[in-house]
Amino acid sequence: MYVKGRISMNNTNQKKKLTTAFGIPVADDQNSLTAGKRGPVLVQDVHLLEKLGHFDRERIPERVVHAKGAGAGGYFEVTADVTKYTKAKFLSEIGKRTEVFARFSTVGGEKGSADAERDPRGFALKFYTEEGNYDLVGNNTPVFFIRDPLKFPDFIHTQKRNPANNCKDPNMFWDFLSLTPESIHQVTILFSDRGIPASFRNMNGYSSHTYKWYNEKGEYFWVQYHFKTDQGIKNLTRQEAEVMRSKDPDHATRDLYDAIERGDYPSWTLQMQIMTPEQAKDYRFDILDITKVWPHADFPSIEIGKLVLNRNPENYFAEVEQAAFGPQNFVPGIAASPDKMLQGRLFSYHDTHIHRLGPNYHLLPVNAPKNATDNSYQRDGSMRTDPNGGGGPNYWPNSFNGPEPDISAKEPPIEISGQADRHQYTHPNDDFVQPGNLYRDVMTDQDRENLAGNIIGHLGGAQKRIQLRQTALFFKADPDYGNRVAKGLKLDAKEVEKLADMSHDERAKATS
């Protein structure tokens, strides 16, 4: 039951058993069903599909995440030869330009939220290529909070509103994060000054996920995308953000539109990290774990292109609000990796677009292919606005000249093995190495001071037991990190260190 706006356990000591919506017991709610320890995710994971399917339909008609956004049109121009890595035609020659539509957004807030909230920023691109639309859906951070899609609805719920009092709740927010150690890397980035970009023009964009590129020979490579802003990184401190939220809650949306209107076209340089399958086999970090980065010392990035935004939308609703980006939209030469979070998104984005915009959302002008033809056997459905295939066949195979599969679009196979099970994450590198390196080696002392101050201001609203549990995670990343936060929250540093030395289960039990 709910008491005074707080989520409360049932008064009885007997815990309820988790089930599906049909009352079927759930054995594991933390690990998706995968083929082998590293995936990919199996479609027979009906619990995952039910959970994501229901989550996609929780808000009508606002996006469940990325509700508030700004968008613009432009182009992408190739500046380097990458044909040895990919056969994607829009990347086939230096100087080639492809029309693009971009949407930037906050993630957790509602459509009416302020642009200066502390939140990741969405960075979504739609390339209108001659082989169909290619969508790249990323963020302004290179990592994410979780690495398994089964946790995603729960994570987003904690970023939203308390189900009893409909208010943002630091207890929900930090309770989940403190029980999910893999989140520590993204939390460290989010609560640094990078957590509030000064504008959409002054932030980078990252694929976050690992993707597969493959060439004409059938050779494949693992890649990550980094769109580096040419305007320079600029962020707001928490004090500046507080002023901006009241002064102009739409400041970033306005800034993007006004910059393009006056001819100050924002641009980004695309840099790629590329890894061979052989290099990936014994690499020290799991390249399919979205909570990790590939250190540039190991895999230096190469510059391959330029993104320029030079056109404002003529109508916000028609283009920005109805734009639907789906990571399942690949073109020949680019494909998915077995990354579990990416595998979940391949289903969830398309599913939620069907719910929000209808089964024919691909016919809306902003989503329709502009430089390729839609030759599918999908027919009928609400809001069908094209000829609906005319009198042609609506099935395959057929002998009436209907469109047929093109074997040249086939991607090279990757080897998959292992038992179909809900595998726990077992990669030898723990979740605290990279955030610790970020804290010690990348941040200045002023950065570290701001980070601690930002965390203290937010975490201070949570219960003490949650403060202790979360601060222990900061301590595990770096003792100075944990001690700074503990001091600001007036926590016992020895108690924090003791919790940090415990296993995850012991720490959770000690602070329950």
Protein backbone atom coordinates (compact mmCIF):
# COMPACT_ATOMS: atom_id res chain seq x y z
CA MET A 1 0.00 0.00 0.00
CA TYR A 2 1.03 3.67 -0.31
CA VAL A 3 1.46 5.88 2.73
CA LYS A 4 1.93 9.69 2.71
CA GLY A 5 3.33 9.76 -0.80
CA ARG A 6 5.96 7.13 -0.12
CA ILE A 7 6.20 3.67 -1.61
CA SER A 8 5.62 1.24 1.24
CA MET A 9 5.99 -2.50 1.54
CA ASN A 10 2.98 -4.56 2.55
CA ASN A 11 2.64 -4.62 6.32
CA THR A 12 2.91 -8.40 6.46
CA ASN A 13 6.31 -10.08 6.52
CA GLN A 14 5.32 -12.44 3.72
CA LYS A 15 6.68 -11.16 0.42
CA LYS A 16 4.64 -11.44 -2.77
CA LYS A 17 6.07 -13.53 -5.60
CA LEU A 18 6.67 -11.69 -8.87
CA THR A 19 4.55 -12.92 -11.79
CA THR A 20 3.70 -11.97 -15.35
CA ALA A 21 0.44 -10.12 -16.01
CA PHE A 22 -1.16 -13.56 -16.33
CA GLY A 23 -0.04 -14.75 -12.89
CA ILE A 24 2.82 -16.91 -14.13
CA PRO A 25 5.81 -16.90 -11.72
CA VAL A 26 8.92 -14.99 -12.85
CA ALA A 27 12.22 -16.65 -11.93
CA ASP A 28 14.58 -13.77 -12.81
CA ASP A 29 13.77 -10.08 -13.31
CA GLN A 30 17.34 -8.85 -13.78
CA ASN A 31 18.73 -10.86 -16.69
CA SER A 32 17.21 -11.25 -20.15
CA LEU A 33 17.07 -14.68 -21.79
CA THR A 34 20.03 -14.84 -24.15
CA ALA A 35 21.88 -17.28 -26.39
CA GLY A 36 25.03 -17.65 -24.34
CA LYS A 37 26.37 -15.24 -21.77
CA ARG A 38 26.86 -12.40 -24.25
CA GLY A 39 23.64 -12.74 -26.24
CA PRO A 40 21.85 -11.92 -28.41
CA VAL A 41 18.51 -11.73 -26.63
CA LEU A 42 15.98 -14.43 -27.56
CA VAL A 43 12.47 -13.56 -28.75
CA GLN A 44 11.18 -16.41 -26.59
CA ASP A 45 11.78 -14.23 -23.52
CA VAL A 46 8.08 -13.54 -23.15
CA HIS A 47 8.60 -11.81 -19.79
CA LEU A 48 10.88 -9.23 -21.44
CA LEU A 49 8.45 -8.70 -24.33
CA GLU A 50 5.48 -8.32 -21.99
CA LYS A 51 7.39 -5.89 -19.79
CA LEU A 52 8.64 -3.73 -22.66
CA GLY A 53 5.33 -3.92 -24.53
CA HIS A 54 3.38 -2.69 -21.52
CA PHE A 55 5.98 -0.01 -20.75
CA ASP A 56 5.77 1.33 -24.32
CA ARG A 57 2.05 1.98 -23.84
CA GLU A 58 2.11 3.69 -20.45
CA ARG A 59 1.86 7.24 -21.79
CA ILE A 60 -0.57 8.56 -24.40
CA PRO A 61 0.36 10.28 -26.65
CA GLU A 62 3.54 11.75 -25.18
CA ARG A 63 6.75 9.81 -25.63
CA VAL A 64 7.49 7.68 -22.57
CA VAL A 65 11.07 8.93 -22.69
CA HIS A 66 12.60 11.79 -24.71
CA ALA A 67 9.23 13.59 -24.50
CA LYS A 68 10.59 17.12 -24.93
CA GLY A 69 12.77 17.74 -27.91
CA ALA A 70 13.97 20.08 -30.64
CA GLY A 71 14.81 19.14 -34.21
CA ALA A 72 16.33 20.36 -37.44
CA GLY A 73 17.23 19.18 -40.91
CA GLY A 74 20.61 19.17 -42.58
CA TYR A 75 23.13 16.90 -44.21
CA PHE A 76 25.98 14.51 -43.51
CA GLU A 77 29.11 14.69 -45.67
CA VAL A 78 31.74 11.96 -45.91
CA THR A 79 35.31 13.23 -45.41
CA ALA A 80 37.34 9.99 -45.36
CA ASP A 81 37.40 6.67 -47.23
CA VAL A 82 35.79 3.97 -45.05
CA THR A 83 34.92 1.45 -47.79
CA LYS A 84 37.32 -1.11 -46.31
CA TYR A 85 35.05 -1.15 -43.24
CA THR A 86 31.51 -0.77 -44.64
CA LYS A 87 29.64 -1.11 -47.92
CA ALA A 88 26.93 1.39 -46.89
CA LYS A 89 26.35 3.46 -50.02
CA PHE A 90 25.88 6.75 -48.20
CA LEU A 91 29.44 6.31 -46.87
CA SER A 92 30.89 5.11 -50.19
CA GLU A 93 32.87 8.15 -51.35
CA ILE A 94 34.53 11.29 -50.02
CA GLY A 95 32.37 14.36 -50.52
CA LYS A 96 29.08 12.47 -50.72
CA ARG A 97 26.20 14.21 -48.92
CA THR A 98 23.08 12.61 -47.45
CA GLU A 99 20.03 14.48 -46.17
CA VAL A 100 19.55 14.15 -42.40
CA PHE A 101 16.92 15.01 -39.80
CA ALA A 102 18.06 15.33 -36.19
CA ARG A 103 16.17 15.44 -32.90
CA PHE A 104 17.68 16.42 -29.54
CA SER A 105 15.84 15.87 -26.30
CA THR A 106 15.88 15.51 -22.58
CA VAL A 107 15.22 11.93 -21.46
CA GLY A 108 13.30 11.59 -18.20
CA GLY A 109 11.19 14.75 -18.08
CA GLU A 110 7.75 15.42 -19.50
CA LYS A 111 7.10 17.52 -22.59
CA GLY A 112 6.67 20.63 -20.44
CA SER A 113 9.88 20.17 -18.44
CA ALA A 114 12.76 22.65 -18.54
CA ASP A 115 15.67 22.28 -20.96
CA ALA A 116 18.12 22.94 -18.11
CA GLU A 117 17.24 19.84 -16.08
CA ARG A 118 20.04 17.49 -15.03
CA ASP A 119 19.35 14.65 -17.44
CA PRO A 120 21.01 12.84 -20.36
CA ARG A 121 20.24 14.34 -23.76
CA GLY A 122 18.96 12.31 -26.67
CA PHE A 123 20.89 12.64 -29.95
CA ALA A 124 18.87 10.96 -32.73
CA LEU A 125 19.66 11.06 -36.46
CA LYS A 126 17.72 9.91 -39.51
CA PHE A 127 19.77 9.51 -42.70
CA TYR A 128 17.63 9.48 -45.87
CA THR A 129 19.93 7.20 -47.91
CA GLU A 130 19.42 5.67 -51.34
CA GLU A 131 19.13 2.27 -49.65
CA GLY A 132 16.39 3.39 -47.26
CA ASN A 133 16.38 5.28 -43.98
CA TYR A 134 19.18 4.65 -41.51
CA ASP A 135 18.41 5.72 -37.93
CA LEU A 136 21.11 6.22 -35.31
CA VAL A 137 19.62 6.75 -31.86
CA GLY A 138 22.13 7.84 -29.24
CA ASN A 139 22.75 10.16 -26.29
CA ASN A 140 25.16 12.91 -25.32
CA THR A 141 26.93 10.44 -23.02
CA PRO A 142 29.02 7.47 -24.19
CA VAL A 143 27.57 5.09 -21.57
CA PHE A 144 24.20 4.29 -19.98
CA PHE A 145 22.83 3.37 -16.53
CA ILE A 146 22.01 -0.31 -17.17
CA ARG A 147 23.12 -3.08 -19.51
CA ASP A 148 20.04 -5.34 -19.65
CA PRO A 149 16.69 -4.27 -21.19
CA LEU A 150 14.74 -6.17 -18.54
CA LYS A 151 15.70 -3.38 -16.11
CA PHE A 152 14.75 -0.51 -18.42
CA PRO A 153 11.06 0.03 -17.50
CA ASP A 154 12.00 -0.08 -13.81
CA PHE A 155 14.81 2.41 -14.30
CA ILE A 156 12.61 4.90 -16.16
CA HIS A 157 9.86 4.57 -13.54
CA THR A 158 12.35 5.76 -10.90
CA GLN A 159 13.13 8.84 -13.01
CA LYS A 160 9.44 9.75 -13.30
CA ARG A 161 6.93 10.50 -10.53
CA ASN A 162 5.96 8.79 -7.29
CA PRO A 163 2.80 6.76 -7.98
CA ALA A 164 1.19 8.01 -4.76
CA ASN A 165 1.84 11.76 -4.69
CA ASN A 166 2.83 12.33 -8.37
CA CYS A 167 6.03 14.17 -7.35
CA LYS A 168 9.65 13.54 -8.26
CA ASP A 169 11.08 11.30 -5.56
CA PRO A 170 14.82 11.16 -4.68
CA ASN A 171 14.17 7.98 -2.68
CA MET A 172 12.94 6.17 -5.81
CA PHE A 173 15.76 7.66 -7.90
CA TRP A 174 18.63 6.73 -5.58
CA ASP A 175 17.12 3.50 -4.25
CA PHE A 176 17.26 1.95 -7.71
CA LEU A 177 20.69 3.34 -8.61
CA SER A 178 22.23 2.30 -5.30
CA LEU A 179 20.94 -1.24 -5.88
CA THR A 180 22.32 -1.22 -9.46
CA PRO A 181 26.13 -0.83 -9.22
CA GLU A 182 26.56 -0.88 -13.01
CA SER A 183 24.98 2.62 -13.05
CA ILE A 184 27.94 4.27 -11.28
CA HIS A 185 29.74 5.29 -14.50
CA GLN A 186 26.72 7.09 -15.97
CA VAL A 187 25.81 8.57 -12.56
CA THR A 188 29.29 10.08 -12.32
CA ILE A 189 28.91 11.68 -15.75
CA LEU A 190 25.35 12.84 -15.10
CA PHE A 191 26.22 14.59 -11.85
CA SER A 192 29.34 16.21 -13.25
CA ASP A 193 28.90 19.54 -15.02
CA ARG A 194 28.44 17.53 -18.23
CA GLY A 195 25.02 16.59 -16.85
CA ILE A 196 23.52 19.93 -17.96
CA PRO A 197 24.69 21.01 -21.45
CA ALA A 198 24.44 24.74 -22.08
CA SER A 199 22.67 24.04 -25.39
CA PHE A 200 22.05 21.23 -27.84
CA ARG A 201 24.72 22.81 -30.07
CA ASN A 202 27.36 22.55 -27.33
CA MET A 203 27.25 18.82 -26.62
CA ASN A 204 28.61 15.67 -28.24
CA GLY A 205 26.52 12.76 -29.48
CA TYR A 206 27.43 9.08 -29.03
CA SER A 207 26.08 5.80 -30.33
CA SER A 208 26.80 4.40 -26.84
CA HIS A 209 26.07 0.92 -28.24
CA THR A 210 28.54 -1.08 -30.26
CA TYR A 211 27.41 -1.69 -33.84
CA LYS A 212 28.64 -3.91 -36.66
CA TRP A 213 30.00 -2.57 -39.95
CA TYR A 214 30.70 -4.96 -42.82
CA ASN A 215 32.29 -4.52 -46.24
CA GLU A 216 31.81 -5.95 -49.73
CA LYS A 217 34.10 -8.89 -48.90
CA GLY A 218 31.88 -9.95 -45.99
CA GLU A 219 34.45 -8.88 -43.40
CA TYR A 220 32.95 -7.25 -40.33
CA PHE A 221 34.11 -4.84 -37.62
CA TRP A 222 32.77 -3.57 -34.32
CA VAL A 223 32.33 0.21 -34.22
CA GLN A 224 31.23 3.09 -32.01
CA TYR A 225 30.15 6.55 -33.20
CA HIS A 226 31.30 9.84 -31.64
CA PHE A 227 29.79 13.10 -32.98
CA LYS A 228 32.05 15.84 -31.59
CA THR A 229 30.55 19.31 -31.47
CA ASP A 230 32.40 21.92 -33.53
CA GLN A 231 30.94 24.65 -31.32
CA GLY A 232 32.88 23.42 -28.29
CA ILE A 233 31.58 21.79 -25.11
CA LYS A 234 29.72 24.19 -22.82
CA ASN A 235 27.82 23.23 -19.68
CA LEU A 236 25.76 24.90 -16.99
CA THR A 237 26.62 24.66 -13.31
CA ARG A 238 23.77 23.68 -11.03
CA GLN A 239 23.50 27.33 -9.91
CA GLU A 240 23.31 28.58 -13.52
CA ALA A 241 20.78 25.86 -14.36
CA GLU A 242 18.55 26.89 -11.46
CA VAL A 243 18.42 30.43 -12.83
CA MET A 244 17.86 29.24 -16.40
CA ARG A 245 14.97 26.93 -15.48
CA SER A 246 12.99 29.91 -14.21
CA LYS A 247 14.32 32.46 -16.70
CA ASP A 248 13.72 30.43 -19.88
CA PRO A 249 12.66 26.77 -19.54
CA ASP A 250 12.92 26.42 -23.34
CA HIS A 251 16.36 27.96 -23.69
CA ALA A 252 18.01 25.07 -25.60
CA THR A 253 15.06 24.63 -27.95
CA ARG A 254 15.09 28.36 -28.67
CA ASP A 255 18.86 28.45 -29.06
CA LEU A 256 18.92 25.75 -31.75
CA TYR A 257 16.12 27.36 -33.76
CA ASP A 258 17.54 30.87 -33.50
CA ALA A 259 21.08 29.78 -34.45
CA ILE A 260 19.87 28.12 -37.65
CA GLU A 261 17.52 31.03 -38.40
CA ARG A 262 20.43 33.50 -38.34
CA GLY A 263 22.62 31.23 -40.49
CA ASP A 264 24.91 30.05 -37.69
CA TYR A 265 24.58 26.40 -38.66
CA PRO A 266 25.72 23.99 -35.94
CA SER A 267 27.97 21.13 -36.97
CA TRP A 268 29.57 18.02 -35.55
CA THR A 269 32.59 15.98 -36.67
CA LEU A 270 31.95 12.24 -36.76
CA GLN A 271 34.76 10.15 -35.32
CA MET A 272 34.66 6.35 -35.26
CA GLN A 273 36.30 3.78 -33.04
CA ILE A 274 36.80 0.54 -34.96
CA MET A 275 37.76 -2.89 -33.64
CA THR A 276 38.30 -6.21 -35.40
CA PRO A 277 36.57 -9.37 -34.11
CA GLU A 278 39.98 -10.73 -33.15
CA GLN A 279 40.75 -7.66 -31.04
CA ALA A 280 37.38 -7.96 -29.33
CA LYS A 281 37.83 -11.57 -28.20
CA ASP A 282 40.24 -10.96 -25.34
CA TYR A 283 39.76 -7.23 -24.80
CA ARG A 284 39.94 -6.14 -21.17
CA PHE A 285 36.44 -4.60 -21.24
CA ASP A 286 33.25 -6.15 -22.55
CA ILE A 287 32.63 -4.29 -25.83
CA LEU A 288 28.93 -5.22 -25.68
CA ASP A 289 28.42 -3.60 -22.26
CA ILE A 290 26.87 -0.14 -22.70
CA THR A 291 28.07 0.92 -19.24
CA LYS A 292 31.68 0.82 -20.52
CA VAL A 293 33.71 2.86 -23.01
CA TRP A 294 36.56 1.81 -25.25
CA PRO A 295 39.53 3.85 -23.98
CA HIS A 296 40.91 5.95 -26.84
CA ALA A 297 44.43 4.95 -25.91
CA ASP A 298 43.49 1.42 -26.99
CA PHE A 299 41.37 2.36 -30.00
CA PRO A 300 42.06 5.88 -31.29
CA SER A 301 39.14 7.44 -33.15
CA ILE A 302 39.31 8.28 -36.85
CA GLU A 303 37.51 11.22 -38.43
CA ILE A 304 35.12 10.19 -41.20
CA GLY A 305 32.51 12.90 -41.75
CA LYS A 306 30.69 16.10 -40.93
CA LEU A 307 27.10 16.64 -39.75
CA VAL A 308 25.61 20.07 -40.49
CA LEU A 309 22.12 21.30 -39.51
CA ASN A 310 20.94 24.13 -41.75
CA ARG A 311 17.14 23.87 -41.90
CA ASN A 312 14.54 24.59 -39.25
CA PRO A 313 11.30 22.58 -39.38
CA GLU A 314 8.40 24.33 -41.08
CA ASN A 315 6.00 22.85 -38.54
CA TYR A 316 7.10 21.48 -35.17
CA PHE A 317 4.38 18.85 -34.85
CA ALA A 318 4.70 17.55 -38.41
CA GLU A 319 8.44 17.05 -38.20
CA VAL A 320 9.82 17.07 -34.65
CA GLU A 321 6.88 15.62 -32.72
CA GLN A 322 6.03 12.98 -35.34
CA ALA A 323 9.63 12.05 -36.10
CA ALA A 324 10.12 8.42 -35.13
CA PHE A 325 13.66 7.09 -34.88
CA GLY A 326 14.20 3.35 -34.67
CA PRO A 327 17.55 1.62 -34.04
CA GLN A 328 16.17 -1.32 -36.03
CA ASN A 329 16.47 0.72 -39.25
CA PHE A 330 19.78 -0.35 -40.76
CA VAL A 331 21.09 -0.20 -44.33
CA PRO A 332 23.37 -2.78 -45.98
CA GLY A 333 26.85 -2.38 -44.50
CA ILE A 334 25.60 -1.59 -40.97
CA ALA A 335 24.02 -4.01 -38.49
CA ALA A 336 23.28 -4.66 -34.83
CA SER A 337 25.62 -6.21 -32.30
CA PRO A 338 24.49 -8.73 -29.62
CA ASP A 339 24.50 -5.90 -27.02
CA LYS A 340 21.54 -6.83 -24.78
CA MET A 341 20.30 -3.25 -24.37
CA LEU A 342 20.45 -2.70 -28.12
CA GLN A 343 18.60 -5.97 -28.71
CA GLY A 344 15.77 -4.78 -26.45
CA ARG A 345 15.64 -1.41 -28.22
CA LEU A 346 15.32 -3.10 -31.63
CA PHE A 347 11.90 -4.29 -30.45
CA SER A 348 10.82 -1.48 -28.16
CA TYR A 349 11.26 1.59 -30.38
CA HIS A 350 9.26 0.24 -33.30
CA ASP A 351 6.63 -1.12 -30.93
CA THR A 352 6.15 2.20 -29.15
CA HIS A 353 6.01 4.14 -32.44
CA ILE A 354 3.18 1.88 -33.59
CA HIS A 355 1.38 2.64 -30.34
CA ARG A 356 2.02 6.39 -30.37
CA LEU A 357 1.67 7.19 -34.08
CA GLY A 358 -0.11 4.16 -35.54
CA PRO A 359 0.83 1.14 -37.67
CA ASN A 360 1.59 3.32 -40.69
CA TYR A 361 3.84 5.85 -38.98
CA HIS A 362 6.46 5.10 -41.64
CA LEU A 363 4.29 6.95 -44.18
CA LEU A 364 4.47 10.28 -42.35
CA PRO A 365 6.66 12.60 -44.47
CA VAL A 366 9.37 13.02 -41.83
CA ASN A 367 9.67 9.22 -41.45
CA ALA A 368 9.16 8.11 -45.07
CA PRO A 369 12.21 7.21 -47.17
CA LYS A 370 13.09 10.12 -49.47
CA ASN A 371 15.80 8.60 -51.64
CA ALA A 372 14.54 5.00 -51.76
CA THR A 373 11.22 3.32 -52.49
CA ASP A 374 9.02 1.50 -49.96
CA ASN A 375 8.45 -1.90 -51.57
CA SER A 376 7.04 -4.02 -48.77
CA TYR A 377 4.07 -6.36 -48.38
CA GLN A 378 2.70 -4.46 -45.38
CA ARG A 379 -0.90 -3.48 -46.11
CA ASP A 380 -3.94 -1.79 -44.59
CA GLY A 381 -4.15 -0.47 -41.02
CA SER A 382 -5.36 2.88 -39.72
CA MET A 383 -4.28 6.10 -41.45
CA ARG A 384 -3.03 4.40 -44.59
CA THR A 385 -2.33 7.44 -46.80
CA ASP A 386 -0.54 5.97 -49.83
CA PRO A 387 -2.00 3.74 -52.63
CA ASN A 388 -1.67 0.74 -50.24
CA GLY A 389 0.13 -1.39 -52.79
CA GLY A 390 -2.57 -0.93 -55.39
CA GLY A 391 -3.64 -4.19 -56.99
CA GLY A 392 -0.27 -5.85 -56.54
CA PRO A 393 0.25 -9.01 -54.50
CA ASN A 394 0.39 -8.73 -50.72
CA TYR A 395 2.32 -11.95 -50.10
CA TRP A 396 5.67 -13.57 -50.89
CA PRO A 397 6.60 -15.72 -52.69
CA ASN A 398 4.48 -14.78 -55.69
CA SER A 399 4.71 -15.03 -59.49
CA PHE A 400 3.15 -11.62 -60.23
CA ASN A 401 6.27 -9.46 -60.34
CA GLY A 402 6.15 -8.48 -56.68
CA PRO A 403 9.30 -7.19 -54.96
CA GLU A 404 11.72 -9.96 -54.08
CA PRO A 405 14.51 -10.28 -51.50
CA ASP A 406 17.98 -9.06 -52.50
CA ILE A 407 20.69 -11.49 -51.42
CA SER A 408 23.34 -8.73 -51.66
CA ALA A 409 21.78 -7.09 -48.57
CA LYS A 410 22.71 -10.12 -46.43
CA GLU A 411 25.05 -9.32 -43.52
CA PRO A 412 27.96 -11.62 -42.63
CA PRO A 413 27.17 -14.08 -39.83
CA ILE A 414 28.69 -13.99 -36.39
CA GLU A 415 29.31 -17.05 -34.25
CA ILE A 416 26.86 -17.56 -31.37
CA SER A 417 26.96 -20.36 -28.82
CA GLY A 418 25.90 -21.09 -25.28
CA GLN A 419 22.94 -22.18 -23.24
CA ALA A 420 19.62 -20.34 -23.45
CA ASP A 421 19.34 -18.99 -19.91
CA ARG A 422 19.06 -15.81 -17.84
CA HIS A 423 22.79 -15.25 -17.47
CA GLN A 424 24.18 -12.94 -14.82
CA TYR A 425 26.93 -10.58 -15.89
CA THR A 426 30.27 -12.30 -15.25
CA HIS A 427 32.87 -10.27 -17.19
CA PRO A 428 36.02 -10.04 -15.02
CA ASN A 429 36.27 -6.24 -15.13
CA ASP A 430 34.05 -4.72 -12.48
CA ASP A 431 31.83 -1.65 -12.76
CA PHE A 432 34.05 0.71 -10.76
CA VAL A 433 37.26 0.82 -12.85
CA GLN A 434 36.15 3.32 -15.50
CA PRO A 435 34.23 5.74 -13.22
CA GLY A 436 37.22 5.69 -10.88
CA ASN A 437 39.55 6.53 -13.78
CA LEU A 438 37.18 9.28 -14.88
CA TYR A 439 37.16 10.78 -11.39
CA ARG A 440 40.93 10.58 -10.81
CA ASP A 441 42.48 11.05 -14.24
CA VAL A 442 40.05 13.13 -16.31
CA MET A 443 38.37 15.50 -13.87
CA THR A 444 40.09 18.54 -12.38
CA ASP A 445 39.82 19.20 -8.66
CA GLN A 446 37.16 21.82 -9.43
CA ASP A 447 35.27 19.20 -11.49
CA ARG A 448 35.44 16.81 -8.56
CA GLU A 449 34.23 19.49 -6.16
CA ASN A 450 31.29 20.34 -8.46
CA LEU A 451 30.46 16.65 -8.90
CA ALA A 452 30.30 16.07 -5.15
CA GLY A 453 28.23 19.21 -4.65
CA ASN A 454 25.75 18.22 -7.36
CA ILE A 455 25.34 14.74 -5.85
CA ILE A 456 25.01 16.03 -2.29
CA GLY A 457 22.26 18.47 -3.31
CA HIS A 458 20.19 15.68 -4.90
CA LEU A 459 21.08 12.61 -2.82
CA GLY A 460 20.49 14.67 0.33
CA GLY A 461 16.75 14.35 -0.27
CA ALA A 462 16.84 10.55 0.05
CA GLN A 463 16.65 8.44 3.21
CA LYS A 464 19.90 8.00 5.13
CA ARG A 465 20.09 4.25 4.48
CA ILE A 466 19.94 4.95 0.73
CA GLN A 467 22.55 7.71 1.08
CA LEU A 468 24.88 5.24 2.79
CA ARG A 469 24.36 2.55 0.15
CA GLN A 470 24.95 4.94 -2.75
CA THR A 471 27.94 6.66 -1.15
CA ALA A 472 29.54 3.24 -0.67
CA LEU A 473 29.43 2.82 -4.47
CA PHE A 474 31.19 6.16 -4.91
CA PHE A 475 33.81 4.97 -2.41
CA LYS A 476 34.35 1.76 -4.40
CA ALA A 477 35.06 3.86 -7.50
CA ASP A 478 37.52 6.04 -5.57
CA PRO A 479 37.89 6.56 -1.80
CA ASP A 480 38.20 10.33 -2.19
CA TYR A 481 35.00 10.34 -4.25
CA GLY A 482 33.08 8.53 -1.51
CA ASN A 483 34.62 10.54 1.32
CA ARG A 484 33.71 13.87 -0.31
CA VAL A 485 30.09 12.85 -0.67
CA ALA A 486 29.99 11.34 2.82
CA LYS A 487 31.36 14.55 4.33
CA GLY A 488 28.78 16.67 2.51
CA LEU A 489 25.95 14.42 3.67
CA LYS A 490 27.37 14.21 7.21
CA LEU A 491 27.65 10.42 7.00
CA ASP A 492 30.04 8.31 9.04
CA ALA A 493 33.01 7.70 6.70
CA LYS A 494 33.91 4.46 8.48
CA GLU A 495 30.40 3.13 8.01
CA VAL A 496 30.57 4.03 4.30
CA GLU A 497 33.91 2.24 3.93
CA LYS A 498 32.54 -0.82 5.75
CA LEU A 499 29.59 -0.99 3.34
CA ALA A 500 31.94 -0.57 0.37
CA ASP A 501 33.86 -3.69 1.46
CA MET A 502 30.67 -5.80 1.45
CA SER A 503 29.31 -7.78 -1.48
CA HIS A 504 26.37 -6.28 -3.36
CA ASP A 505 23.87 -8.61 -1.66
CA GLU A 506 25.35 -7.97 1.81
CA ARG A 507 25.27 -4.22 1.26
CA ALA A 508 21.66 -4.32 0.05
CA LYS A 509 20.62 -6.38 3.06
CA ALA A 510 22.49 -4.14 5.52
CA THR A 511 20.72 -1.04 4.19
CA SER A 512 17.26 -2.51 3.56
